N, C-alpha and C. Protein backbone atom coordinates (compact mmCIF):
# COMPACT_ATOMS: atom_id res chain seq x y z
N MET A 1 0.78 -1.47 0.18
CA MET A 1 0.53 0.20 -0.20
C MET A 1 0.93 1.06 0.26
N ALA A 2 0.63 1.82 -0.37
CA ALA A 2 1.26 3.30 -0.95
C ALA A 2 1.04 4.31 0.38
N ALA A 3 2.04 5.09 0.12
CA ALA A 3 2.39 5.96 1.73
C ALA A 3 1.00 7.49 1.57
N PRO A 4 0.63 7.26 2.49
CA PRO A 4 -0.40 8.68 2.23
C PRO A 4 0.14 9.25 1.63
N ALA A 5 -0.53 10.89 1.01
CA ALA A 5 0.80 12.07 0.66
C ALA A 5 1.24 13.21 1.74
N PHE A 6 0.24 12.63 2.81
CA PHE A 6 1.26 13.62 3.76
C PHE A 6 2.78 13.18 4.14
N GLU A 7 2.38 12.02 3.86
CA GLU A 7 4.26 11.27 4.56
C GLU A 7 5.15 10.54 2.91
N HIS A 8 4.59 11.94 2.09
CA HIS A 8 5.52 10.98 1.33
C HIS A 8 6.38 12.18 1.49
N PRO A 9 7.75 11.75 0.58
CA PRO A 9 8.98 12.68 1.13
C PRO A 9 9.32 14.38 -0.06
N ALA A 10 8.27 13.87 -0.66
CA ALA A 10 8.21 15.30 -1.22
C ALA A 10 7.08 16.16 -0.85
N LEU A 11 6.41 15.73 -0.49
CA LEU A 11 5.06 16.49 0.23
C LEU A 11 6.32 17.66 1.27
N ASN A 12 7.25 17.12 1.52
CA ASN A 12 6.90 17.52 3.06
C ASN A 12 7.99 18.31 3.28
N ALA A 13 7.81 19.74 3.76
CA ALA A 13 8.36 21.19 3.70
C ALA A 13 9.60 21.20 3.70
N HIS A 14 10.48 20.16 4.61
CA HIS A 14 11.20 19.87 5.64
C HIS A 14 11.77 19.85 4.44
N ALA A 15 11.64 19.97 3.05
CA ALA A 15 12.87 19.16 2.58
C ALA A 15 12.81 19.65 0.79
N LEU A 16 12.47 20.77 1.21
CA LEU A 16 12.84 21.76 0.53
C LEU A 16 12.86 23.05 0.86
N PRO A 17 14.35 22.79 1.48
CA PRO A 17 15.04 24.33 2.63
C PRO A 17 16.03 25.32 1.51
N THR A 18 14.78 24.88 0.65
CA THR A 18 16.12 26.35 -0.67
C THR A 18 14.97 26.69 -1.08
N ALA A 19 13.25 26.08 -1.17
CA ALA A 19 11.97 26.92 -2.00
C ALA A 19 12.17 28.24 -0.78
N SER A 20 10.91 29.04 -0.98
CA SER A 20 11.40 30.45 -1.14
C SER A 20 9.79 30.28 0.19
N PRO A 21 9.28 30.99 0.67
CA PRO A 21 9.05 30.88 1.76
C PRO A 21 7.67 30.60 1.55
N VAL A 22 7.18 30.96 0.48
CA VAL A 22 5.31 31.09 -0.36
C VAL A 22 5.92 29.71 -0.51
N THR A 23 6.29 29.19 -0.62
CA THR A 23 6.21 27.92 -2.23
C THR A 23 5.97 26.67 -0.27
N GLN A 24 7.53 26.42 1.03
CA GLN A 24 7.21 26.35 1.84
C GLN A 24 5.37 26.30 2.12
N ALA A 25 5.34 27.55 2.30
CA ALA A 25 3.79 27.84 3.07
C ALA A 25 2.66 27.15 1.98
N LEU A 26 2.63 27.47 1.40
CA LEU A 26 1.81 26.27 0.51
C LEU A 26 1.60 24.62 0.29
N LEU A 27 3.30 24.44 1.10
CA LEU A 27 3.95 23.31 0.81
C LEU A 27 2.86 23.04 2.39
N SER A 28 3.46 22.97 3.04
CA SER A 28 2.76 22.72 4.51
C SER A 28 1.99 22.92 4.04
N ALA A 29 0.34 23.98 3.54
CA ALA A 29 -0.74 23.73 3.01
C ALA A 29 -1.04 22.59 2.55
N ALA A 30 -0.54 22.15 1.81
CA ALA A 30 -1.26 21.08 1.18
C ALA A 30 -1.79 19.89 2.22
N VAL A 31 -0.02 19.59 3.52
CA VAL A 31 -0.20 18.50 3.63
C VAL A 31 -0.98 18.40 5.06
N THR A 32 -0.86 19.50 4.94
CA THR A 32 -2.18 19.61 6.52
C THR A 32 -3.74 19.60 6.26
N LEU A 33 -4.40 20.08 4.65
CA LEU A 33 -5.03 19.71 4.27
C LEU A 33 -5.40 18.08 3.52
N ALA A 34 -4.21 17.78 3.39
CA ALA A 34 -4.02 15.93 2.65
C ALA A 34 -4.67 15.55 3.66
N LYS A 35 -4.27 15.28 5.82
CA LYS A 35 -4.45 14.88 6.88
C LYS A 35 -5.18 15.40 7.08
N TRP A 36 -6.29 16.11 6.71
CA TRP A 36 -6.96 16.66 6.67
C TRP A 36 -8.52 15.64 6.41
N GLU A 37 -8.43 15.36 5.01
CA GLU A 37 -8.98 14.63 4.33
C GLU A 37 -8.90 13.33 5.10
N THR A 38 -7.99 12.29 5.36
CA THR A 38 -7.51 11.14 5.44
C THR A 38 -7.87 11.02 6.96
N ARG A 39 -8.27 11.87 7.69
CA ARG A 39 -9.15 12.15 9.20
C ARG A 39 -10.23 12.24 8.60
N ALA A 40 -10.62 12.60 8.29
CA ALA A 40 -12.37 12.67 7.57
C ALA A 40 -13.07 11.05 7.30
N ARG A 41 -12.33 11.16 6.04
CA ARG A 41 -12.58 9.37 5.26
C ARG A 41 -12.15 8.09 6.46
N THR A 42 -11.28 7.95 7.31
CA THR A 42 -11.04 7.56 8.27
C THR A 42 -11.84 7.51 9.32
N ARG A 43 -12.79 8.69 10.01
CA ARG A 43 -13.93 8.34 10.79
C ARG A 43 -14.45 8.27 10.40
N ALA A 44 -14.86 9.07 9.65
CA ALA A 44 -16.35 8.26 8.60
C ALA A 44 -16.70 6.75 8.65
N ALA A 45 -15.04 6.42 7.75
CA ALA A 45 -15.53 4.99 7.90
C ALA A 45 -15.81 4.13 9.74
N LEU A 46 -15.31 4.58 9.89
CA LEU A 46 -15.13 4.09 11.43
C LEU A 46 -16.38 3.98 11.49
N ARG A 47 -17.35 5.40 12.04
CA ARG A 47 -18.40 5.25 12.17
C ARG A 47 -19.66 4.23 11.58
N GLU A 48 -18.71 4.06 10.50
CA GLU A 48 -19.59 2.81 9.64
C GLU A 48 -20.00 1.70 10.29
N LEU A 49 -18.49 1.46 10.34
CA LEU A 49 -18.61 0.24 11.20
C LEU A 49 -18.91 -0.41 12.15
N PRO A 50 -19.82 -2.17 11.64
CA PRO A 50 -20.47 -2.36 12.79
C PRO A 50 -19.25 -2.91 13.72
N ALA A 51 -19.96 -2.45 15.31
CA ALA A 51 -19.88 -2.74 16.42
C ALA A 51 -19.23 -4.06 16.74
N GLU A 52 -19.92 -4.95 15.82
CA GLU A 52 -18.91 -6.26 16.09
C GLU A 52 -17.82 -6.78 15.19
N ARG A 53 -17.18 -6.44 15.33
CA ARG A 53 -16.39 -5.39 14.00
C ARG A 53 -14.93 -5.02 14.79
N LEU A 54 -15.26 -3.84 15.43
CA LEU A 54 -14.81 -2.93 16.85
C LEU A 54 -12.95 -4.05 17.61
N PRO A 55 -13.77 -5.24 17.67
CA PRO A 55 -12.56 -5.69 18.92
C PRO A 55 -12.07 -6.06 18.24
N ASP A 56 -12.10 -6.29 16.59
CA ASP A 56 -10.45 -6.63 15.06
C ASP A 56 -9.96 -6.12 15.54
N ILE A 57 -10.28 -4.50 15.80
CA ILE A 57 -9.07 -3.37 15.54
C ILE A 57 -8.81 -2.67 16.59
N GLY A 58 -9.61 -3.83 18.05
CA GLY A 58 -8.75 -2.98 18.89
C GLY A 58 -9.37 -1.93 19.52
N LEU A 59 -10.99 -1.77 19.39
CA LEU A 59 -11.26 -0.90 20.12
C LEU A 59 -12.87 -1.06 20.97
N THR A 60 -12.77 -0.75 21.36
CA THR A 60 -14.92 -0.65 22.40
C THR A 60 -15.60 0.34 21.63
N THR A 61 -16.71 0.20 21.74
CA THR A 61 -17.66 1.17 21.02
C THR A 61 -17.81 2.42 21.77
N ALA A 62 -17.17 2.28 22.92
CA ALA A 62 -17.50 4.30 23.23
C ALA A 62 -15.75 4.96 23.03
N GLU A 63 -14.69 3.32 22.10
CA GLU A 63 -13.28 4.73 22.30
C GLU A 63 -13.95 4.90 20.64
N ALA A 64 -14.31 3.78 19.55
CA ALA A 64 -14.50 4.08 18.10
C ALA A 64 -16.06 5.79 18.10
N LEU A 65 -17.12 5.61 19.02
CA LEU A 65 -17.95 6.79 19.25
C LEU A 65 -17.21 7.18 19.16
N HIS A 66 -16.28 8.21 20.28
CA HIS A 66 -15.36 9.28 20.67
C HIS A 66 -14.73 9.92 19.73
N GLU A 67 -13.63 8.55 18.43
CA GLU A 67 -12.90 8.57 17.72
C GLU A 67 -13.94 9.12 16.02
N GLY A 68 -14.66 8.48 15.83
CA GLY A 68 -15.29 8.88 15.39
C GLY A 68 -15.78 10.57 15.23
N ALA A 69 -16.49 10.73 16.80
CA ALA A 69 -16.95 11.97 16.08
C ALA A 69 -16.14 13.53 16.56
N LYS A 70 -15.09 13.28 16.52
CA LYS A 70 -13.98 13.84 16.86
C LYS A 70 -13.90 15.15 15.55
N PRO A 71 -13.94 16.01 14.96
CA PRO A 71 -14.04 17.42 13.47
C PRO A 71 -12.41 16.64 13.97
N PHE A 72 -12.24 16.82 11.69
CA PHE A 72 -11.70 16.26 11.77
C PHE A 72 -10.68 17.10 11.82
N TRP A 73 -10.33 18.46 11.76
CA TRP A 73 -9.05 19.31 13.22
C TRP A 73 -8.18 18.61 13.94
N ARG A 74 -8.69 17.94 14.56
CA ARG A 74 -8.82 17.54 15.53
C ARG A 74 -7.54 15.89 15.43
N ALA A 75 -6.74 16.65 16.00
CA ALA A 75 -5.28 14.32 15.88
C ALA A 75 -6.10 14.00 17.43
């Protein structure tokens, strides 16, 4: 499986030390948006997971509800 976009070295703001501050800021924003999108998608999938499958991923119902209710911008 491919690494999520925000973990890709090319999308790492520190990978371009000679890039302009504007480029670094845009790159940082792109990384943040990718993280948010991944969190939103993952939490939506978690909310749809049947309760009997939660032990398979090591979560209780309460933990799944708590994580699934978090907004995408919270880690």
